[in-house]
Amino acid sequence: MVPARCDQVAADLRAGGSQVTIITYPGAVHQWDGAMPHGLIGRHLGDCSFEVGRSGLVTDDRTGLPMSGPVLRKLILGLCTTSQQYPIGRDEAVRMQSNRDFGAFLARVFAAPPVG
């Protein structure tokens, strides 16, 4: 996710009453916690915009179409993806740091007294 989009999502969550901390990992690329080697991917979802409803149904913001099956999912993604390439690849150091950060987050959440 690009920093501007992260800021937008964080602002939406804060508006709903959530506490949000954004952590960045300089030099990390997409799928840094995956198994793929470093390389370039030829399809980019940066122009796609979706909404997830309370039921869990994902709807395309541009067309209003629901991702209710494989055919509609392919159609929606085909309409919004671009051929812009982006880097991808596992980064063990970033993966380890993100796991530590996530562990610290979980420790804070589960150490807090229940709300309500």
PDB file of N, CA and C in Angstrom:
ATOM      1  N   MET A   1       0.852  -1.165   0.000  1.00  0.00           N
ATOM      2  CA  MET A   1       0.000   0.000   0.000  1.00  0.00           C
ATOM      3  C   MET A   1       0.904   1.237   0.000  1.00  0.00           C
ATOM      4  N   VAL A   2       0.587   2.203  -0.801  1.00  0.00           N
ATOM      5  CA  VAL A   2       1.385   3.431  -0.847  1.00  0.00           C
ATOM      6  C   VAL A   2       1.100   4.271   0.393  1.00  0.00           C
ATOM      7  N   PRO A   3       2.079   5.066   0.823  1.00  0.00           N
ATOM      8  CA  PRO A   3       1.899   5.847   2.060  1.00  0.00           C
ATOM      9  C   PRO A   3       0.638   6.699   2.091  1.00  0.00           C
ATOM     10  N   ALA A   4       0.283   7.344   0.996  1.00  0.00           N
ATOM     11  CA  ALA A   4      -0.921   8.180   0.991  1.00  0.00           C
ATOM     12  C   ALA A   4      -2.164   7.336   1.256  1.00  0.00           C
ATOM     13  N   ARG A   5      -2.229   6.152   0.676  1.00  0.00           N
ATOM     14  CA  ARG A   5      -3.373   5.257   0.895  1.00  0.00           C
ATOM     15  C   ARG A   5      -3.377   4.766   2.346  1.00  0.00           C
ATOM     16  N   CYS A   6      -2.209   4.456   2.895  1.00  0.00           N
ATOM     17  CA  CYS A   6      -2.126   4.055   4.306  1.00  0.00           C
ATOM     18  C   CYS A   6      -2.651   5.166   5.202  1.00  0.00           C
ATOM     19  N   ASP A   7      -2.255   6.398   4.902  1.00  0.00           N
ATOM     20  CA  ASP A   7      -2.733   7.540   5.696  1.00  0.00           C
ATOM     21  C   ASP A   7      -4.255   7.666   5.614  1.00  0.00           C
ATOM     22  N   GLN A   8      -4.821   7.433   4.426  1.00  0.00           N
ATOM     23  CA  GLN A   8      -6.267   7.526   4.239  1.00  0.00           C
ATOM     24  C   GLN A   8      -6.984   6.438   5.049  1.00  0.00           C
ATOM     25  N   VAL A   9      -6.496   5.214   4.972  1.00  0.00           N
ATOM     26  CA  VAL A   9      -7.107   4.117   5.727  1.00  0.00           C
ATOM     27  C   VAL A   9      -6.983   4.383   7.230  1.00  0.00           C
ATOM     28  N   ALA A  10      -5.814   4.858   7.664  1.00  0.00           N
ATOM     29  CA  ALA A  10      -5.614   5.166   9.083  1.00  0.00           C
ATOM     30  C   ALA A  10      -6.576   6.255   9.545  1.00  0.00           C
ATOM     31  N   ALA A  11      -6.765   7.271   8.721  1.00  0.00           N
ATOM     32  CA  ALA A  11      -7.687   8.352   9.081  1.00  0.00           C
ATOM     33  C   ALA A  11      -9.118   7.830   9.205  1.00  0.00           C
ATOM     34  N   ASP A  12      -9.518   6.941   8.295  1.00  0.00           N
ATOM     35  CA  ASP A  12     -10.857   6.347   8.362  1.00  0.00           C
ATOM     36  C   ASP A  12     -11.019   5.538   9.648  1.00  0.00           C
ATOM     37  N   LEU A  13      -9.994   4.772  10.001  1.00  0.00           N
ATOM     38  CA  LEU A  13     -10.060   3.968  11.220  1.00  0.00           C
ATOM     39  C   LEU A  13     -10.099   4.852  12.463  1.00  0.00           C
ATOM     40  N   ARG A  14      -9.295   5.910  12.456  1.00  0.00           N
ATOM     41  CA  ARG A  14      -9.299   6.842  13.598  1.00  0.00           C
ATOM     42  C   ARG A  14     -10.656   7.526  13.741  1.00  0.00           C
ATOM     43  N   ALA A  15     -11.265   7.881  12.604  1.00  0.00           N
ATOM     44  CA  ALA A  15     -12.581   8.517  12.642  1.00  0.00           C
ATOM     45  C   ALA A  15     -13.618   7.591  13.276  1.00  0.00           C
ATOM     46  N   GLY A  16     -13.395   6.291  13.152  1.00  0.00           N
ATOM     47  CA  GLY A  16     -14.288   5.318  13.758  1.00  0.00           C
ATOM     48  C   GLY A  16     -13.934   4.984  15.196  1.00  0.00           C
ATOM     49  N   GLY A  17     -12.904   5.649  15.732  1.00  0.00           N
ATOM     50  CA  GLY A  17     -12.550   5.455  17.132  1.00  0.00           C
ATOM     51  C   GLY A  17     -11.396   4.503  17.389  1.00  0.00           C
ATOM     52  N   SER A  18     -10.750   4.022  16.343  1.00  0.00           N
ATOM     53  CA  SER A  18      -9.632   3.095  16.529  1.00  0.00           C
ATOM     54  C   SER A  18      -8.321   3.840  16.738  1.00  0.00           C
ATOM     55  N   GLN A  19      -7.435   3.223  17.489  1.00  0.00           N
ATOM     56  CA  GLN A  19      -6.074   3.729  17.612  1.00  0.00           C
ATOM     57  C   GLN A  19      -5.260   3.098  16.490  1.00  0.00           C
ATOM     58  N   VAL A  20      -4.508   3.911  15.764  1.00  0.00           N
ATOM     59  CA  VAL A  20      -3.776   3.422  14.603  1.00  0.00           C
ATOM     60  C   VAL A  20      -2.335   3.888  14.658  1.00  0.00           C
ATOM     61  N   THR A  21      -1.425   2.964  14.395  1.00  0.00           N
ATOM     62  CA  THR A  21      -0.008   3.280  14.237  1.00  0.00           C
ATOM     63  C   THR A  21       0.431   2.726  12.890  1.00  0.00           C
ATOM     64  N   ILE A  22       1.056   3.552  12.088  1.00  0.00           N
ATOM     65  CA  ILE A  22       1.582   3.108  10.801  1.00  0.00           C
ATOM     66  C   ILE A  22       3.073   2.835  10.982  1.00  0.00           C
ATOM     67  N   ILE A  23       3.485   1.649  10.590  1.00  0.00           N
ATOM     68  CA  ILE A  23       4.906   1.273  10.642  1.00  0.00           C
ATOM     69  C   ILE A  23       5.371   1.060   9.208  1.00  0.00           C
ATOM     70  N   THR A  24       6.467   1.693   8.842  1.00  0.00           N
ATOM     71  CA  THR A  24       7.027   1.496   7.504  1.00  0.00           C
ATOM     72  C   THR A  24       8.346   0.741   7.603  1.00  0.00           C
ATOM     73  N   TYR A  25       8.654   0.026   6.556  1.00  0.00           N
ATOM     74  CA  TYR A  25       9.895  -0.747   6.465  1.00  0.00           C
ATOM     75  C   TYR A  25      10.637  -0.279   5.215  1.00  0.00           C
ATOM     76  N   PRO A  26      11.559   0.676   5.382  1.00  0.00           N
ATOM     77  CA  PRO A  26      12.279   1.213   4.229  1.00  0.00           C
ATOM     78  C   PRO A  26      12.951   0.108   3.405  1.00  0.00           C
ATOM     79  N   GLY A  27      12.778   0.205   2.108  1.00  0.00           N
ATOM     80  CA  GLY A  27      13.390  -0.754   1.200  1.00  0.00           C
ATOM     81  C   GLY A  27      12.562  -2.002   0.966  1.00  0.00           C
ATOM     82  N   ALA A  28      11.500  -2.193   1.753  1.00  0.00           N
ATOM     83  CA  ALA A  28      10.659  -3.380   1.571  1.00  0.00           C
ATOM     84  C   ALA A  28       9.844  -3.247   0.290  1.00  0.00           C
ATOM     85  N   VAL A  29       9.635  -4.366  -0.384  1.00  0.00           N
ATOM     86  CA  VAL A  29       8.813  -4.401  -1.588  1.00  0.00           C
ATOM     87  C   VAL A  29       7.609  -5.304  -1.320  1.00  0.00           C
ATOM     88  N   HIS A  30       6.708  -5.403  -2.267  1.00  0.00           N
ATOM     89  CA  HIS A  30       5.532  -6.253  -2.123  1.00  0.00           C
ATOM     90  C   HIS A  30       5.951  -7.695  -1.874  1.00  0.00           C
ATOM     91  N   GLN A  31       5.154  -8.394  -1.085  1.00  0.00           N
ATOM     92  CA  GLN A  31       5.370  -9.805  -0.771  1.00  0.00           C
ATOM     93  C   GLN A  31       6.685 -10.057  -0.039  1.00  0.00           C
ATOM     94  N   TRP A  32       7.131  -9.086   0.762  1.00  0.00           N
ATOM     95  CA  TRP A  32       8.366  -9.258   1.524  1.00  0.00           C
ATOM     96  C   TRP A  32       8.241 -10.394   2.527  1.00  0.00           C
ATOM     97  N   ASP A  33       7.017 -10.795   2.859  1.00  0.00           N
ATOM     98  CA  ASP A  33       6.832 -11.904   3.792  1.00  0.00           C
ATOM     99  C   ASP A  33       6.432 -13.188   3.070  1.00  0.00           C
ATOM    100  N   GLY A  34       6.475 -13.169   1.747  1.00  0.00           N
ATOM    101  CA  GLY A  34       6.102 -14.340   0.954  1.00  0.00           C
ATOM    102  C   GLY A  34       7.316 -15.174   0.586  1.00  0.00           C
ATOM    103  N   ALA A  35       7.119 -16.080  -0.339  1.00  0.00           N
ATOM    104  CA  ALA A  35       8.194 -16.994  -0.740  1.00  0.00           C
ATOM    105  C   ALA A  35       8.794 -16.654  -2.100  1.00  0.00           C
ATOM    106  N   MET A  36       8.223 -15.657  -2.787  1.00  0.00           N
ATOM    107  CA  MET A  36       8.697 -15.359  -4.140  1.00  0.00           C
ATOM    108  C   MET A  36      10.065 -14.678  -4.124  1.00  0.00           C
ATOM    109  N   PRO A  37      10.924 -15.026  -5.067  1.00  0.00           N
ATOM    110  CA  PRO A  37      12.212 -14.328  -5.179  1.00  0.00           C
ATOM    111  C   PRO A  37      12.001 -12.907  -5.706  1.00  0.00           C
ATOM    112  N   HIS A  38      13.014 -12.068  -5.574  1.00  0.00           N
ATOM    113  CA  HIS A  38      12.912 -10.681  -6.051  1.00  0.00           C
ATOM    114  C   HIS A  38      12.738 -10.656  -7.568  1.00  0.00           C
ATOM    115  N   GLY A  39      11.846  -9.771  -8.014  1.00  0.00           N
ATOM    116  CA  GLY A  39      11.584  -9.613  -9.432  1.00  0.00           C
ATOM    117  C   GLY A  39      10.535  -8.540  -9.641  1.00  0.00           C
ATOM    118  N   LEU A  40      10.012  -8.444 -10.853  1.00  0.00           N
ATOM    119  CA  LEU A  40       8.976  -7.476 -11.188  1.00  0.00           C
ATOM    120  C   LEU A  40       7.701  -8.207 -11.588  1.00  0.00           C
ATOM    121  N   ILE A  41       6.577  -7.683 -11.144  1.00  0.00           N
ATOM    122  CA  ILE A  41       5.261  -8.213 -11.504  1.00  0.00           C
ATOM    123  C   ILE A  41       4.659  -7.252 -12.520  1.00  0.00           C
ATOM    124  N   GLY A  42       4.014  -7.773 -13.541  1.00  0.00           N
ATOM    125  CA  GLY A  42       3.537  -6.950 -14.643  1.00  0.00           C
ATOM    126  C   GLY A  42       2.121  -6.435 -14.557  1.00  0.00           C
ATOM    127  N   ARG A  43       1.385  -6.728 -13.497  1.00  0.00           N
ATOM    128  CA  ARG A  43       0.028  -6.214 -13.370  1.00  0.00           C
ATOM    129  C   ARG A  43      -0.082  -5.459 -12.061  1.00  0.00           C
ATOM    130  N   HIS A  44      -0.678  -4.295 -12.077  1.00  0.00           N
ATOM    131  CA  HIS A  44      -0.727  -3.432 -10.903  1.00  0.00           C
ATOM    132  C   HIS A  44      -2.182  -3.126 -10.552  1.00  0.00           C
ATOM    133  N   LEU A  45      -2.537  -3.283  -9.268  1.00  0.00           N
ATOM    134  CA  LEU A  45      -3.905  -3.046  -8.801  1.00  0.00           C
ATOM    135  C   LEU A  45      -4.094  -1.652  -8.221  1.00  0.00           C
ATOM    136  N   GLY A  46      -3.116  -0.769  -8.400  1.00  0.00           N
ATOM    137  CA  GLY A  46      -3.153   0.559  -7.792  1.00  0.00           C
ATOM    138  C   GLY A  46      -4.363   1.393  -8.165  1.00  0.00           C
ATOM    139  N   ASP A  47      -4.957   1.157  -9.320  1.00  0.00           N
ATOM    140  CA  ASP A  47      -6.126   1.933  -9.739  1.00  0.00           C
ATOM    141  C   ASP A  47      -7.443   1.281  -9.328  1.00  0.00           C
ATOM    142  N   CYS A  48      -7.370   0.124  -8.675  1.00  0.00           N
ATOM    143  CA  CYS A  48      -8.580  -0.559  -8.223  1.00  0.00           C
ATOM    144  C   CYS A  48      -9.046   0.051  -6.902  1.00  0.00           C
ATOM    145  N   SER A  49     -10.344   0.088  -6.703  1.00  0.00           N
ATOM    146  CA  SER A  49     -10.909   0.600  -5.458  1.00  0.00           C
ATOM    147  C   SER A  49     -12.139  -0.232  -5.115  1.00  0.00           C
ATOM    148  N   PHE A  50     -12.142  -0.788  -3.913  1.00  0.00           N
ATOM    149  CA  PHE A  50     -13.205  -1.692  -3.499  1.00  0.00           C
ATOM    150  C   PHE A  50     -13.777  -1.287  -2.159  1.00  0.00           C
ATOM    151  N   GLU A  51     -14.978  -1.749  -1.901  1.00  0.00           N
ATOM    152  CA  GLU A  51     -15.600  -1.568  -0.598  1.00  0.00           C
ATOM    153  C   GLU A  51     -16.004  -2.944  -0.086  1.00  0.00           C
ATOM    154  N   VAL A  52     -15.730  -3.188   1.185  1.00  0.00           N
ATOM    155  CA  VAL A  52     -16.127  -4.442   1.803  1.00  0.00           C
ATOM    156  C   VAL A  52     -17.341  -4.152   2.678  1.00  0.00           C
ATOM    157  N   GLY A  53     -18.452  -4.776   2.356  1.00  0.00           N
ATOM    158  CA  GLY A  53     -19.680  -4.568   3.110  1.00  0.00           C
ATOM    159  C   GLY A  53     -19.689  -5.360   4.403  1.00  0.00           C
ATOM    160  N   ARG A  54     -20.648  -5.088   5.244  1.00  0.00           N
ATOM    161  CA  ARG A  54     -20.776  -5.785   6.536  1.00  0.00           C
ATOM    162  C   ARG A  54     -20.870  -7.298   6.351  1.00  0.00           C
ATOM    163  N   SER A  55     -21.440  -7.728   5.241  1.00  0.00           N
ATOM    164  CA  SER A  55     -21.590  -9.162   4.978  1.00  0.00           C
ATOM    165  C   SER A  55     -20.285  -9.797   4.512  1.00  0.00           C
ATOM    166  N   GLY A  56     -19.293  -8.950   4.194  1.00  0.00           N
ATOM    167  CA  GLY A  56     -18.025  -9.444   3.669  1.00  0.00           C
ATOM    168  C   GLY A  56     -17.958  -9.388   2.150  1.00  0.00           C
ATOM    169  N   LEU A  57     -19.047  -9.014   1.493  1.00  0.00           N
ATOM    170  CA  LEU A  57     -19.060  -8.921   0.042  1.00  0.00           C
ATOM    171  C   LEU A  57     -18.218  -7.735  -0.414  1.00  0.00           C
ATOM    172  N   VAL A  58     -17.329  -7.981  -1.367  1.00  0.00           N
ATOM    173  CA  VAL A  58     -16.474  -6.941  -1.931  1.00  0.00           C
ATOM    174  C   VAL A  58     -17.148  -6.401  -3.183  1.00  0.00           C
ATOM    175  N   THR A  59     -17.263  -5.072  -3.257  1.00  0.00           N
ATOM    176  CA  THR A  59     -17.894  -4.408  -4.398  1.00  0.00           C
ATOM    177  C   THR A  59     -16.907  -3.441  -5.032  1.00  0.00           C
ATOM    178  N   ASP A  60     -16.854  -3.436  -6.361  1.00  0.00           N
ATOM    179  CA  ASP A  60     -15.994  -2.521  -7.102  1.00  0.00           C
ATOM    180  C   ASP A  60     -16.595  -1.125  -7.044  1.00  0.00           C
ATOM    181  N   ASP A  61     -15.808  -0.144  -6.597  1.00  0.00           N
ATOM    182  CA  ASP A  61     -16.305   1.231  -6.473  1.00  0.00           C
ATOM    183  C   ASP A  61     -16.636   1.870  -7.822  1.00  0.00           C
ATOM    184  N   ARG A  62     -15.930   1.498  -8.875  1.00  0.00           N
ATOM    185  CA  ARG A  62     -16.160   2.119 -10.187  1.00  0.00           C
ATOM    186  C   ARG A  62     -17.443   1.644 -10.845  1.00  0.00           C
ATOM    187  N   THR A  63     -17.650   0.328 -10.830  1.00  0.00           N
ATOM    188  CA  THR A  63     -18.781  -0.241 -11.569  1.00  0.00           C
ATOM    189  C   THR A  63     -19.966  -0.604 -10.679  1.00  0.00           C
ATOM    190  N   GLY A  64     -19.713  -0.740  -9.380  1.00  0.00           N
ATOM    191  CA  GLY A  64     -20.753  -1.184  -8.464  1.00  0.00           C
ATOM    192  C   GLY A  64     -20.968  -2.688  -8.500  1.00  0.00           C
ATOM    193  N   LEU A  65     -20.169  -3.389  -9.315  1.00  0.00           N
ATOM    194  CA  LEU A  65     -20.314  -4.840  -9.437  1.00  0.00           C
ATOM    195  C   LEU A  65     -19.782  -5.548  -8.189  1.00  0.00           C
ATOM    196  N   PRO A  66     -20.497  -6.567  -7.733  1.00  0.00           N
ATOM    197  CA  PRO A  66     -20.013  -7.338  -6.588  1.00  0.00           C
ATOM    198  C   PRO A  66     -19.034  -8.421  -7.051  1.00  0.00           C
ATOM    199  N   MET A  67     -18.032  -8.711  -6.256  1.00  0.00           N
ATOM    200  CA  MET A  67     -17.124  -9.826  -6.549  1.00  0.00           C
ATOM    201  C   MET A  67     -17.766 -11.088  -5.985  1.00  0.00           C
ATOM    202  N   SER A  68     -18.810 -11.530  -6.659  1.00  0.00           N
ATOM    203  CA  SER A  68     -19.605 -12.636  -6.140  1.00  0.00           C
ATOM    204  C   SER A  68     -19.268 -13.975  -6.772  1.00  0.00           C
ATOM    205  N   GLY A  69     -18.241 -14.021  -7.552  1.00  0.00           N
ATOM    206  CA  GLY A  69     -17.825 -15.278  -8.167  1.00  0.00           C
ATOM    207  C   GLY A  69     -16.587 -15.059  -9.001  1.00  0.00           C
ATOM    208  N   PRO A  70     -15.983 -16.134  -9.490  1.00  0.00           N
ATOM    209  CA  PRO A  70     -14.715 -16.016 -10.226  1.00  0.00           C
ATOM    210  C   PRO A  70     -14.826 -15.218 -11.522  1.00  0.00           C
ATOM    211  N   VAL A  71     -15.949 -15.305 -12.216  1.00  0.00           N
ATOM    212  CA  VAL A  71     -16.093 -14.575 -13.484  1.00  0.00           C
ATOM    213  C   VAL A  71     -16.141 -13.069 -13.222  1.00  0.00           C
ATOM    214  N   LEU A  72     -16.977 -12.652 -12.263  1.00  0.00           N
ATOM    215  CA  LEU A  72     -17.048 -11.219 -11.949  1.00  0.00           C
ATOM    216  C   LEU A  72     -15.730 -10.717 -11.370  1.00  0.00           C
ATOM    217  N   ARG A  73     -15.064 -11.524 -10.554  1.00  0.00           N
ATOM    218  CA  ARG A  73     -13.777 -11.108  -9.992  1.00  0.00           C
ATOM    219  C   ARG A  73     -12.774 -10.848 -11.109  1.00  0.00           C
ATOM    220  N   LYS A  74     -12.676 -11.742 -12.076  1.00  0.00           N
ATOM    221  CA  LYS A  74     -11.751 -11.563 -13.204  1.00  0.00           C
ATOM    222  C   LYS A  74     -12.123 -10.342 -14.028  1.00  0.00           C
ATOM    223  N   LEU A  75     -13.417 -10.142 -14.254  1.00  0.00           N
ATOM    224  CA  LEU A  75     -13.874  -8.984 -15.023  1.00  0.00           C
ATOM    225  C   LEU A  75     -13.499  -7.685 -14.316  1.00  0.00           C
ATOM    226  N   ILE A  76     -13.818  -7.600 -13.025  1.00  0.00           N
ATOM    227  CA  ILE A  76     -13.531  -6.384 -12.258  1.00  0.00           C
ATOM    228  C   ILE A  76     -12.038  -6.108 -12.227  1.00  0.00           C
ATOM    229  N   LEU A  77     -11.245  -7.123 -11.924  1.00  0.00           N
ATOM    230  CA  LEU A  77      -9.789  -6.924 -11.866  1.00  0.00           C
ATOM    231  C   LEU A  77      -9.223  -6.591 -13.238  1.00  0.00           C
ATOM    232  N   GLY A  78      -9.790  -7.175 -14.282  1.00  0.00           N
ATOM    233  CA  GLY A  78      -9.338  -6.864 -15.640  1.00  0.00           C
ATOM    234  C   GLY A  78      -9.606  -5.420 -16.033  1.00  0.00           C
ATOM    235  N   LEU A  79     -10.682  -4.858 -15.499  1.00  0.00           N
ATOM    236  CA  LEU A  79     -11.034  -3.467 -15.817  1.00  0.00           C
ATOM    237  C   LEU A  79     -10.185  -2.445 -15.067  1.00  0.00           C
ATOM    238  N   CYS A  80      -9.653  -2.818 -13.908  1.00  0.00           N
ATOM    239  CA  CYS A  80      -8.951  -1.804 -13.116  1.00  0.00           C
ATOM    240  C   CYS A  80      -7.433  -1.991 -13.046  1.00  0.00           C
ATOM    241  N   THR A  81      -6.909  -3.126 -13.468  1.00  0.00           N
ATOM    242  CA  THR A  81      -5.459  -3.307 -13.402  1.00  0.00           C
ATOM    243  C   THR A  81      -4.766  -2.592 -14.557  1.00  0.00           C
ATOM    244  N   THR A  82      -3.515  -2.243 -14.321  1.00  0.00           N
ATOM    245  CA  THR A  82      -2.689  -1.613 -15.349  1.00  0.00           C
ATOM    246  C   THR A  82      -1.465  -2.483 -15.601  1.00  0.00           C
ATOM    247  N   SER A  83      -0.753  -2.190 -16.651  1.00  0.00           N
ATOM    248  CA  SER A  83       0.446  -2.970 -16.972  1.00  0.00           C
ATOM    249  C   SER A  83       1.696  -2.399 -16.310  1.00  0.00           C
ATOM    250  N   GLN A  84       1.529  -1.427 -15.421  1.00  0.00           N
ATOM    251  CA  GLN A  84       2.662  -0.858 -14.696  1.00  0.00           C
ATOM    252  C   GLN A  84       3.307  -1.952 -13.840  1.00  0.00           C
ATOM    253  N   GLN A  85       4.617  -2.078 -13.918  1.00  0.00           N
ATOM    254  CA  GLN A  85       5.313  -3.094 -13.138  1.00  0.00           C
ATOM    255  C   GLN A  85       5.646  -2.587 -11.744  1.00  0.00           C
ATOM    256  N   TYR A  86       5.747  -3.508 -10.802  1.00  0.00           N
ATOM    257  CA  TYR A  86       6.164  -3.153  -9.442  1.00  0.00           C
ATOM    258  C   TYR A  86       7.024  -4.282  -8.879  1.00  0.00           C
ATOM    259  N   PRO A  87       7.925  -3.937  -7.947  1.00  0.00           N
ATOM    260  CA  PRO A  87       8.849  -4.941  -7.402  1.00  0.00           C
ATOM    261  C   PRO A  87       8.178  -5.845  -6.379  1.00  0.00           C
ATOM    262  N   ILE A  88       8.665  -7.059  -6.320  1.00  0.00           N
ATOM    263  CA  ILE A  88       8.128  -8.062  -5.419  1.00  0.00           C
ATOM    264  C   ILE A  88       9.287  -8.933  -4.945  1.00  0.00           C
ATOM    265  N   GLY A  89       9.199  -9.490  -3.751  1.00  0.00           N
ATOM    266  CA  GLY A  89      10.223 -10.443  -3.327  1.00  0.00           C
ATOM    267  C   GLY A  89      10.428 -10.506  -1.824  1.00  0.00           C
ATOM    268  N   ARG A  90      10.732 -11.671  -1.353  1.00  0.00           N
ATOM    269  CA  ARG A  90      10.931 -11.941   0.066  1.00  0.00           C
ATOM    270  C   ARG A  90      12.125 -11.151   0.602  1.00  0.00           C
ATOM    271  N   ASP A  91      11.960 -10.630   1.816  1.00  0.00           N
ATOM    272  CA  ASP A  91      13.039  -9.937   2.520  1.00  0.00           C
ATOM    273  C   ASP A  91      13.023 -10.445   3.958  1.00  0.00           C
ATOM    274  N   GLU A  92      13.930 -11.321   4.266  1.00  0.00           N
ATOM    275  CA  GLU A  92      13.932 -11.991   5.569  1.00  0.00           C
ATOM    276  C   GLU A  92      14.097 -11.011   6.722  1.00  0.00           C
ATOM    277  N   ALA A  93      14.927 -10.000   6.575  1.00  0.00           N
ATOM    278  CA  ALA A  93      15.135  -9.025   7.657  1.00  0.00           C
ATOM    279  C   ALA A  93      13.850  -8.244   7.933  1.00  0.00           C
ATOM    280  N   VAL A  94      13.161  -7.818   6.881  1.00  0.00           N
ATOM    281  CA  VAL A  94      11.905  -7.085   7.049  1.00  0.00           C
ATOM    282  C   VAL A  94      10.843  -8.007   7.640  1.00  0.00           C
ATOM    283  N   ARG A  95      10.791  -9.257   7.172  1.00  0.00           N
ATOM    284  CA  ARG A  95       9.824 -10.210   7.709  1.00  0.00           C
ATOM    285  C   ARG A  95      10.025 -10.414   9.208  1.00  0.00           C
ATOM    286  N   MET A  96      11.262 -10.567   9.624  1.00  0.00           N
ATOM    287  CA  MET A  96      11.552 -10.762  11.048  1.00  0.00           C
ATOM    288  C   MET A  96      11.164  -9.526  11.860  1.00  0.00           C
ATOM    289  N   GLN A  97      11.476  -8.333  11.343  1.00  0.00           N
ATOM    290  CA  GLN A  97      11.125  -7.105  12.064  1.00  0.00           C
ATOM    291  C   GLN A  97       9.609  -6.935  12.145  1.00  0.00           C
ATOM    292  N   SER A  98       8.910  -7.224  11.048  1.00  0.00           N
ATOM    293  CA  SER A  98       7.452  -7.080  11.071  1.00  0.00           C
ATOM    294  C   SER A  98       6.822  -8.090  12.030  1.00  0.00           C
ATOM    295  N   ASN A  99       7.378  -9.283  12.115  1.00  0.00           N
ATOM    296  CA  ASN A  99       6.880 -10.267  13.081  1.00  0.00           C
ATOM    297  C   ASN A  99       7.087  -9.773  14.509  1.00  0.00           C
ATOM    298  N   ARG A 100       8.236  -9.146  14.779  1.00  0.00           N
ATOM    299  CA  ARG A 100       8.471  -8.576  16.117  1.00  0.00           C
ATOM    300  C   ARG A 100       7.472  -7.456  16.409  1.00  0.00           C
ATOM    301  N   ASP A 101       7.255  -6.589  15.416  1.00  0.00           N
ATOM    302  CA  ASP A 101       6.301  -5.487  15.595  1.00  0.00           C
ATOM    303  C   ASP A 101       4.887  -6.019  15.829  1.00  0.00           C
ATOM    304  N   PHE A 102       4.506  -7.042  15.080  1.00  0.00           N
ATOM    305  CA  PHE A 102       3.180  -7.619  15.243  1.00  0.00           C
ATOM    306  C   PHE A 102       3.045  -8.300  16.606  1.00  0.00           C
ATOM    307  N   GLY A 103       4.100  -8.987  17.028  1.00  0.00           N
ATOM    308  CA  GLY A 103       4.093  -9.610  18.351  1.00  0.00           C
ATOM    309  C   GLY A 103       3.941  -8.574  19.461  1.00  0.00           C
ATOM    310  N   ALA A 104       4.620  -7.438  19.320  1.00  0.00           N
ATOM    311  CA  ALA A 104       4.507  -6.366  20.312  1.00  0.00           C
ATOM    312  C   ALA A 104       3.084  -5.794  20.321  1.00  0.00           C
ATOM    313  N   PHE A 105       2.491  -5.652  19.139  1.00  0.00           N
ATOM    314  CA  PHE A 105       1.106  -5.182  19.046  1.00  0.00           C
ATOM    315  C   PHE A 105       0.160  -6.146  19.763  1.00  0.00           C
ATOM    316  N   LEU A 106       0.300  -7.435  19.479  1.00  0.00           N
ATOM    317  CA  LEU A 106      -0.571  -8.421  20.129  1.00  0.00           C
ATOM    318  C   LEU A 106      -0.380  -8.429  21.637  1.00  0.00           C
ATOM    319  N   ALA A 107       0.853  -8.271  22.091  1.00  0.00           N
ATOM    320  CA  ALA A 107       1.111  -8.233  23.534  1.00  0.00           C
ATOM    321  C   ALA A 107       0.389  -7.047  24.171  1.00  0.00           C
ATOM    322  N   ARG A 108       0.411  -5.894  23.507  1.00  0.00           N
ATOM    323  CA  ARG A 108      -0.299  -4.714  24.034  1.00  0.00           C
ATOM    324  C   ARG A 108      -1.803  -4.930  24.050  1.00  0.00           C
ATOM    325  N   VAL A 109      -2.337  -5.499  22.970  1.00  0.00           N
ATOM    326  CA  VAL A 109      -3.777  -5.699  22.873  1.00  0.00           C
ATOM    327  C   VAL A 109      -4.267  -6.677  23.944  1.00  0.00           C
ATOM    328  N   PHE A 110      -3.568  -7.781  24.102  1.00  0.00           N
ATOM    329  CA  PHE A 110      -4.041  -8.803  25.036  1.00  0.00           C
ATOM    330  C   PHE A 110      -3.671  -8.493  26.478  1.00  0.00           C
ATOM    331  N   ALA A 111      -2.775  -7.525  26.695  1.00  0.00           N
ATOM    332  CA  ALA A 111      -2.435  -7.128  28.047  1.00  0.00           C
ATOM    333  C   ALA A 111      -3.411  -6.069  28.572  1.00  0.00           C
ATOM    334  N   ALA A 112      -4.129  -5.424  27.648  1.00  0.00           N
ATOM    335  CA  ALA A 112      -5.061  -4.364  28.048  1.00  0.00           C
ATOM    336  C   ALA A 112      -6.301  -4.964  28.692  1.00  0.00           C
ATOM    337  N   PRO A 113      -6.861  -4.285  29.678  1.00  0.00           N
ATOM    338  CA  PRO A 113      -8.102  -4.776  30.282  1.00  0.00           C
ATOM    339  C   PRO A 113      -9.245  -4.725  29.283  1.00  0.00           C
ATOM    340  N   PRO A 114     -10.223  -5.617  29.400  1.00  0.00           N
ATOM    341  CA  PRO A 114     -11.351  -5.614  28.474  1.00  0.00           C
ATOM    342  C   PRO A 114     -12.111  -4.287  28.518  1.00  0.00           C
ATOM    343  N   VAL A 115     -12.612  -3.871  27.356  1.00  0.00           N
ATOM    344  CA  VAL A 115     -13.371  -2.629  27.254  1.00  0.00           C
ATOM    345  C   VAL A 115     -14.853  -2.948  27.496  1.00  0.00           C
ATOM    346  N   GLY A 116     -15.511  -2.083  28.278  1.00  0.00           N
ATOM    347  CA  GLY A 116     -16.944  -2.187  28.424  1.00  0.00           C
ATOM    348  C   GLY A 116     -17.378  -2.896  29.627  1.00  0.00           C
TER     349      GLY A 116
END
